C-alpha cells in the first residue's frame, strides 16, 4: 500500500467523509491532503504533515509514514489501554512526529525592529510542538521561537522560568494580548492595553508600584511577536 492508500483507509476507519473534514480536524490544508491522496507533486509529504494526519485519524505515525508496524488505532484493547486513554509519547530532539521549535534568548537593540537570537543556556535545545496544533492555528513553524520568562512582572500569568512560544509573524497590536516587545532595546513580555488614545505595556503582577505601566510608542517600543503558548510547572 502507498501513503495514499493508507491515508484513504485511515480516513474511512476514522469516519472522515471528506478531505475538508480531515483538514479541520488535523490542521493540514485541504489542498495538501488532496495532493497526498492523488499522489501529485514532486515531493512526498513532510513528516510533520503526516504526523498531524495520523493524530487526527488516530493511527500510528510509522504505519502511515512507512507502512511498518500495526495500524494501531486507539480503541478498546489498542496498546493495552481503554478506549478513552492514550499512550504517553516521549518527544526527543529530531522526532519527526513533532514540530521542533528552537529555544532561544532574544538579543535586541534600541530602535531596531529586527531581532537576533542566542541559544544561551538552552544551547541546542528545542521545544517539541504538536503539528496538529501548529496547523490548526495556521502558524508558520519557522516564525515561531521559544524562550524562558525572566522576572516576576507577569505573575500569576507567567512565572520566571516558564517557557513561552512567540509567533513573530503576528506583531499587530491588540488590546489585552500578551506580546514579546523590544522596549528601549530590552526584551520584555507584557500585556498590551489601549487607553486614552495610547498603547500601554501592562504587567499582570498586582504590585503596580514596582511594575507600573509604560507607554508603548514609536521606535522605543517595537512588538517582536505575540505570545501564543506557555509551558509551565506551575499548576
Protein backbone atom coordinates (compact mmCIF):
# COMPACT_ATOMS: atom_id res chain seq x y z
CA UNK A 1 0.00 0.00 0.00
CA UNK A 2 1.15 3.52 -0.76
CA UNK A 3 0.83 6.50 1.59
CA UNK A 4 -2.21 7.50 -0.46
CA UNK A 5 -3.81 4.08 0.08
CA UNK A 6 -3.04 4.11 3.80
CA UNK A 7 -4.41 7.61 4.28
CA UNK A 8 -7.58 6.70 2.38
CA UNK A 9 -8.01 3.63 4.60
CA UNK A 10 -7.31 5.65 7.76
CA UNK A 11 -9.88 8.29 6.75
CA UNK A 12 -12.52 5.63 6.19
CA UNK A 13 -11.81 3.93 9.50
CA UNK A 14 -11.86 7.25 11.37
CA UNK A 15 -15.15 8.25 9.77
CA UNK A 16 -13.92 11.24 7.77
CA UNK A 17 -16.23 11.53 4.80
CA UNK A 18 -14.39 14.36 3.09
CA UNK A 19 -10.97 15.92 2.78
CA UNK A 20 -12.37 19.11 4.28
CA UNK A 21 -13.44 17.26 7.43
CA UNK A 22 -9.94 15.82 7.85
CA UNK A 23 -8.42 19.26 7.20
CA UNK A 24 -10.50 20.78 10.00
CA UNK A 25 -9.55 18.02 12.43
CA UNK A 26 -5.83 17.90 11.61
CA UNK A 27 -5.00 21.49 10.72
CA UNK A 28 -3.48 20.29 7.43
CA UNK A 29 -4.75 22.36 4.46
CA UNK A 30 -7.23 20.54 2.22
CA UNK A 31 -5.12 21.07 -0.96
CA UNK A 32 -2.21 19.32 0.80
CA UNK A 33 -4.42 16.37 1.69
CA UNK A 34 -5.66 16.26 -1.90
CA UNK A 35 -2.08 16.12 -3.22
CA UNK A 36 -1.27 13.22 -0.92
CA UNK A 37 -4.39 11.28 -1.86
CA UNK A 38 -3.89 11.85 -5.57
CA UNK A 39 -0.10 11.39 -5.41
CA UNK A 40 0.63 14.68 -7.16
CA UNK A 41 3.61 16.94 -6.64
CA UNK A 42 7.34 16.40 -6.96
CA UNK A 43 7.99 15.72 -3.28
CA UNK A 44 6.43 13.42 -0.77
CA UNK A 45 4.56 14.82 2.23
CA UNK A 46 6.60 16.16 5.12
CA UNK A 47 6.80 14.08 8.27
CA UNK A 48 5.12 16.82 10.33
CA UNK A 49 2.16 16.79 7.92
CA UNK A 50 1.78 13.03 8.19
CA UNK A 51 2.09 13.25 11.97
CA UNK A 52 -0.85 15.66 12.09
CA UNK A 53 -2.92 13.42 9.81
CA UNK A 54 -2.04 10.31 11.80
CA UNK A 55 -3.04 12.04 15.02
CA UNK A 56 -6.39 13.13 13.59
CA UNK A 57 -7.12 9.64 12.22
CA UNK A 58 -5.80 8.01 15.42
CA UNK A 59 -3.37 5.74 13.62
CA UNK A 60 0.32 5.11 14.20
CA UNK A 61 2.65 7.60 12.52
CA UNK A 62 5.07 4.82 11.50
CA UNK A 63 2.24 2.92 9.80
CA UNK A 64 1.04 5.94 7.83
CA UNK A 65 4.54 7.18 7.01
CA UNK A 66 6.34 3.96 6.17
CA UNK A 67 3.74 1.21 6.24
CA UNK A 68 5.57 -0.51 9.08
CA UNK A 69 4.10 -1.84 12.30
CA UNK A 70 0.43 -2.10 13.20
CA UNK A 71 -2.11 0.46 12.15
CA UNK A 72 -2.68 0.77 15.90
CA UNK A 73 -5.93 2.65 16.01
CA UNK A 74 -6.59 3.82 19.51
CA UNK A 75 -9.58 1.99 20.88
CA UNK A 76 -10.60 -0.89 23.08
CA UNK A 77 -7.58 -3.10 23.53
CA UNK A 78 -5.23 -0.95 21.41
CA UNK A 79 -1.88 -0.54 23.15
CA UNK A 80 -3.44 -2.40 26.06
CA UNK A 81 -5.32 0.73 27.14
CA UNK A 82 -9.04 1.51 27.44
CA UNK A 83 -10.55 3.43 24.53
CA UNK A 84 -10.62 6.76 26.36
CA UNK A 85 -6.89 6.61 27.17
CA UNK A 86 -3.83 7.24 25.01
CA UNK A 87 -0.22 6.17 25.49
CA UNK A 88 2.27 8.83 26.58
CA UNK A 89 4.66 9.77 23.79
CA UNK A 90 8.14 10.97 24.78
CA UNK A 91 9.33 13.59 22.30
CA UNK A 92 13.06 13.64 21.64
CA UNK A 93 15.00 16.16 19.57
CA UNK A 94 14.52 15.45 15.89
CA UNK A 95 11.38 13.32 16.38
CA UNK A 96 9.55 13.74 13.04
CA UNK A 97 6.17 13.41 14.75
CA UNK A 98 6.63 16.87 16.28
CA UNK A 99 7.47 20.37 15.12
CA UNK A 100 10.72 21.32 16.83
CA UNK A 101 10.92 24.98 17.89
CA UNK A 102 14.31 26.38 18.90
CA UNK A 103 14.82 27.57 22.46
CA UNK A 104 16.47 30.98 22.24
CA UNK A 105 17.37 34.14 24.10
CA UNK A 106 16.28 37.30 22.30
CA UNK A 107 19.04 39.79 21.53
CA UNK A 108 17.65 43.27 20.79
CA UNK A 109 18.89 46.80 20.15
CA UNK A 110 17.06 50.05 20.85
CA UNK A 111 15.11 51.42 17.92
CA UNK A 112 15.64 48.35 15.74
CA UNK A 113 12.60 46.35 14.66
CA UNK A 114 14.52 43.17 13.87
CA UNK A 115 15.98 40.81 16.43
CA UNK A 116 18.68 38.20 16.79
CA UNK A 117 18.59 35.01 18.78
CA UNK A 118 21.19 33.50 21.04
CA UNK A 119 20.98 29.89 22.16
CA UNK A 120 22.37 30.92 25.54
CA UNK A 121 21.88 28.44 28.37
CA UNK A 122 19.48 26.42 26.19
CA UNK A 123 22.13 25.73 23.58
CA UNK A 124 20.87 23.12 21.16
CA UNK A 125 17.55 22.68 22.98
CA UNK A 126 14.23 22.60 21.19
CA UNK A 127 10.60 22.63 22.25
CA UNK A 128 8.51 19.90 20.54
CA UNK A 129 5.03 21.01 19.49
CA UNK A 130 2.07 19.03 18.21
CA UNK A 131 1.94 19.63 14.43
CA UNK A 132 -1.86 19.44 14.56
CA UNK A 133 -1.87 22.40 16.97
CA UNK A 134 0.54 24.35 14.76
CA UNK A 135 -1.56 23.63 11.68
CA UNK A 136 -4.88 24.35 13.38
CA UNK A 137 -3.71 27.86 14.23
CA UNK A 138 -2.11 28.29 10.79
CA UNK A 139 1.27 29.13 12.35
CA UNK A 140 4.43 29.11 10.25
CA UNK A 141 6.90 26.92 12.19
CA UNK A 142 9.89 28.98 11.01
CA UNK A 143 8.32 32.09 12.55
CA UNK A 144 7.88 30.52 16.00
CA UNK A 145 10.54 30.82 18.70
CA UNK A 146 10.55 29.66 22.31
CA UNK A 147 12.19 31.43 25.22
CA UNK A 148 12.18 31.43 29.02
CA UNK A 149 10.38 34.07 31.05
CA UNK A 150 12.57 36.28 33.22
CA UNK A 151 11.42 38.18 36.28
CA UNK A 152 8.14 38.33 38.16
CA UNK A 153 6.31 41.13 36.37
CA UNK A 154 3.77 38.82 34.67
CA UNK A 155 2.85 36.68 37.69
CA UNK A 156 0.49 34.91 38.13
CA UNK A 157 0.01 34.54 34.35
CA UNK A 158 3.67 33.75 33.68
CA UNK A 159 6.32 32.77 36.22
CA UNK A 160 10.08 33.07 35.95
CA UNK A 161 11.39 30.01 34.13
CA UNK A 162 8.14 29.33 32.24
CA UNK A 163 8.65 28.65 28.54
CA UNK A 164 6.66 30.74 26.08
CA UNK A 165 6.20 30.36 22.34
CA UNK A 166 6.27 33.62 20.37
CA UNK A 167 4.72 33.97 16.92
CA UNK A 168 6.97 36.55 15.28
CA UNK A 169 4.64 36.64 12.26
CA UNK A 170 1.99 38.39 14.40
CA UNK A 171 3.17 41.80 15.59
CA UNK A 172 -0.02 43.83 15.19
CA UNK A 173 -1.03 45.48 18.49
CA UNK A 174 -4.16 44.07 20.12
CA UNK A 175 -5.82 45.16 23.34
CA UNK A 176 -5.44 42.69 26.22
CA UNK A 177 -2.98 40.40 24.41
CA UNK A 178 0.46 39.36 25.70
CA UNK A 179 3.41 40.20 23.43
CA UNK A 180 7.19 39.98 23.45
CA UNK A 181 8.35 43.56 22.98
CA UNK A 182 11.57 45.36 22.19
CA UNK A 183 11.32 48.13 24.78
CA UNK A 184 14.25 50.50 24.55
CA UNK A 185 16.48 47.64 23.45
CA UNK A 186 15.34 45.23 26.16
CA UNK A 187 13.28 42.11 25.54
CA UNK A 188 10.18 42.26 27.76
CA UNK A 189 6.96 40.26 27.91
CA UNK A 190 3.94 42.44 28.66
CA UNK A 191 0.22 42.71 28.12
CA UNK A 192 -0.74 45.44 25.67
CA UNK A 193 -3.66 47.72 26.53
CA UNK A 194 -5.33 50.66 24.84
CA UNK A 195 -6.17 53.69 26.96
CA UNK A 196 -6.54 57.45 26.37
CA UNK A 197 -5.54 57.07 22.74
CA UNK A 198 -2.23 55.38 23.59
CA UNK A 199 -0.90 51.84 23.70
CA UNK A 200 0.49 50.76 27.08
CA UNK A 201 2.65 47.91 28.34
CA UNK A 202 1.00 46.39 31.39
CA UNK A 203 2.29 43.85 33.92
CA UNK A 204 -0.08 41.23 35.35
CA UNK A 205 1.65 41.46 38.75
CA UNK A 206 -0.63 43.26 41.22
CA UNK A 207 2.28 45.31 42.61
CA UNK A 208 1.72 48.33 40.36
CA UNK A 209 4.21 50.49 42.30
CA UNK A 210 7.02 48.18 41.28
CA UNK A 211 5.57 47.12 37.94
CA UNK A 212 3.87 50.27 36.67
CA UNK A 213 2.61 50.55 33.12
CA UNK A 214 4.66 52.21 30.40
CA UNK A 215 3.55 53.90 27.23
CA UNK A 216 4.32 51.95 24.04
CA UNK A 217 5.10 54.46 21.34
CA UNK A 218 7.39 54.80 18.35
CA UNK A 219 10.82 53.22 17.98
CA UNK A 220 11.24 52.80 21.75
CA UNK A 221 8.52 50.13 21.80
CA UNK A 222 8.56 47.59 18.96
CA UNK A 223 6.44 44.44 19.06
CA UNK A 224 8.51 41.33 18.33
CA UNK A 225 5.63 38.85 18.33
CA UNK A 226 2.53 37.56 20.05
CA UNK A 227 2.83 35.02 22.87
CA UNK A 228 0.71 32.06 21.75
CA UNK A 229 1.60 29.28 24.18
CA UNK A 230 3.22 28.61 27.53
CA UNK A 231 4.80 25.59 29.18
CA UNK A 232 4.83 25.84 32.96
CA UNK A 233 5.44 23.69 36.03
CA UNK A 234 3.06 25.90 37.99
CA UNK A 235 -0.37 24.30 38.38
